[in-house]
Amino acid sequence: MAGQPPPIGPEQTILEVVYNYPQTEPVFRRYDGQAGVCLLCQALFDTLAEAAAKYGLSLGDLLADLQGAVLSHNS
C-alpha cells in the first residue's frame, strides 16, 4: 500500500484531493455553480466537510462524485 494516496475522506482538504487525484478537478468545477464560487479558488484549504457546509453542498454526493472520478480513471 506504500506510495498510494490516502482514500478520499471528509477530513481532506480540496488541495489534498486535487493533488493526489488530479482527475477530480472537473468534479469540483461541476460544483462551482451550486456553490456560487470557484471552489478551487475560494476553498482550496478547506476540508471537504468544511466546504460542503460553507457552500451548502451535499457532502455525501461530493464524496461519491469524487470517488467515482477516481474509480473511472483507474479502470
Protein backbone atom coordinates (compact mmCIF):
# COMPACT_ATOMS: atom_id res chain seq x y z
CA MET A 1 0.00 0.00 0.00
CA ALA A 2 3.02 2.26 0.19
CA GLY A 3 3.07 5.02 -2.38
CA GLN A 4 -0.71 5.11 -2.81
CA PRO A 5 -2.55 8.30 -1.89
CA PRO A 6 -4.98 8.12 1.01
CA PRO A 7 -8.62 7.39 0.23
CA ILE A 8 -10.80 10.46 -0.18
CA GLY A 9 -12.47 11.42 3.09
CA PRO A 10 -14.29 14.44 4.50
CA GLU A 11 -11.26 15.47 6.56
CA GLN A 12 -9.06 16.02 3.49
CA THR A 13 -8.65 19.49 2.04
CA ILE A 14 -9.64 20.22 -1.52
CA LEU A 15 -5.95 20.83 -2.24
CA GLU A 16 -5.01 17.35 -0.96
CA VAL A 17 -7.68 15.71 -3.08
CA VAL A 18 -6.73 17.53 -6.30
CA TYR A 19 -3.02 16.97 -5.64
CA ASN A 20 -3.45 13.24 -5.04
CA TYR A 21 -6.17 12.77 -7.69
CA PRO A 22 -5.88 15.37 -10.49
CA GLN A 23 -8.77 13.66 -12.27
CA THR A 24 -11.10 15.10 -9.59
CA GLU A 25 -10.65 18.70 -10.76
CA PRO A 26 -13.64 18.53 -13.16
CA VAL A 27 -15.82 17.32 -10.27
CA PHE A 28 -15.02 20.46 -8.30
CA ARG A 29 -15.69 22.57 -11.41
CA ARG A 30 -19.15 20.98 -11.69
CA TYR A 31 -19.91 22.02 -8.11
CA ASP A 32 -18.85 25.65 -8.66
CA GLY A 33 -22.28 26.72 -9.89
CA GLN A 34 -24.03 25.15 -6.93
CA ALA A 35 -21.52 26.68 -4.51
CA GLY A 36 -21.65 30.10 -6.16
CA VAL A 37 -17.85 30.35 -6.12
CA CYS A 38 -14.86 28.66 -7.69
CA LEU A 39 -14.11 26.02 -5.06
CA LEU A 40 -10.53 25.65 -6.28
CA CYS A 41 -10.05 29.42 -5.83
CA GLN A 42 -12.04 30.13 -2.67
CA ALA A 43 -11.94 26.89 -0.69
CA LEU A 44 -8.67 25.21 -1.61
CA PHE A 45 -7.56 24.89 2.02
CA ASP A 46 -10.98 23.91 3.40
CA THR A 47 -11.68 20.28 4.18
CA LEU A 48 -14.35 18.67 2.05
CA ALA A 49 -16.67 18.72 5.08
CA GLU A 50 -16.00 22.43 5.70
CA ALA A 51 -16.51 23.36 2.05
CA ALA A 52 -19.75 21.37 1.85
CA ALA A 53 -21.11 23.05 4.98
CA LYS A 54 -19.94 26.53 3.97
CA TYR A 55 -21.41 26.39 0.47
CA GLY A 56 -24.50 24.26 1.08
CA LEU A 57 -23.28 21.20 -0.81
CA SER A 58 -24.19 17.60 -0.10
CA LEU A 59 -21.06 16.07 1.40
CA GLY A 60 -22.25 12.57 0.52
CA ASP A 61 -22.83 13.49 -3.12
CA LEU A 62 -19.50 15.29 -3.34
CA LEU A 63 -17.60 12.34 -1.88
CA ALA A 64 -19.41 9.90 -4.17
CA ASP A 65 -18.67 12.01 -7.25
CA LEU A 66 -15.01 12.38 -6.31
CA GLN A 67 -14.68 8.63 -5.67
CA GLY A 68 -16.42 7.96 -8.98
CA ALA A 69 -13.88 10.12 -10.81
CA VAL A 70 -11.01 8.22 -9.19
CA LEU A 71 -12.52 4.81 -9.94
CA SER A 72 -13.33 5.62 -13.55
CA HIS A 73 -9.80 6.93 -14.06
CA ASN A 74 -8.27 3.75 -12.61
CA SER A 75 -10.40 1.31 -14.61
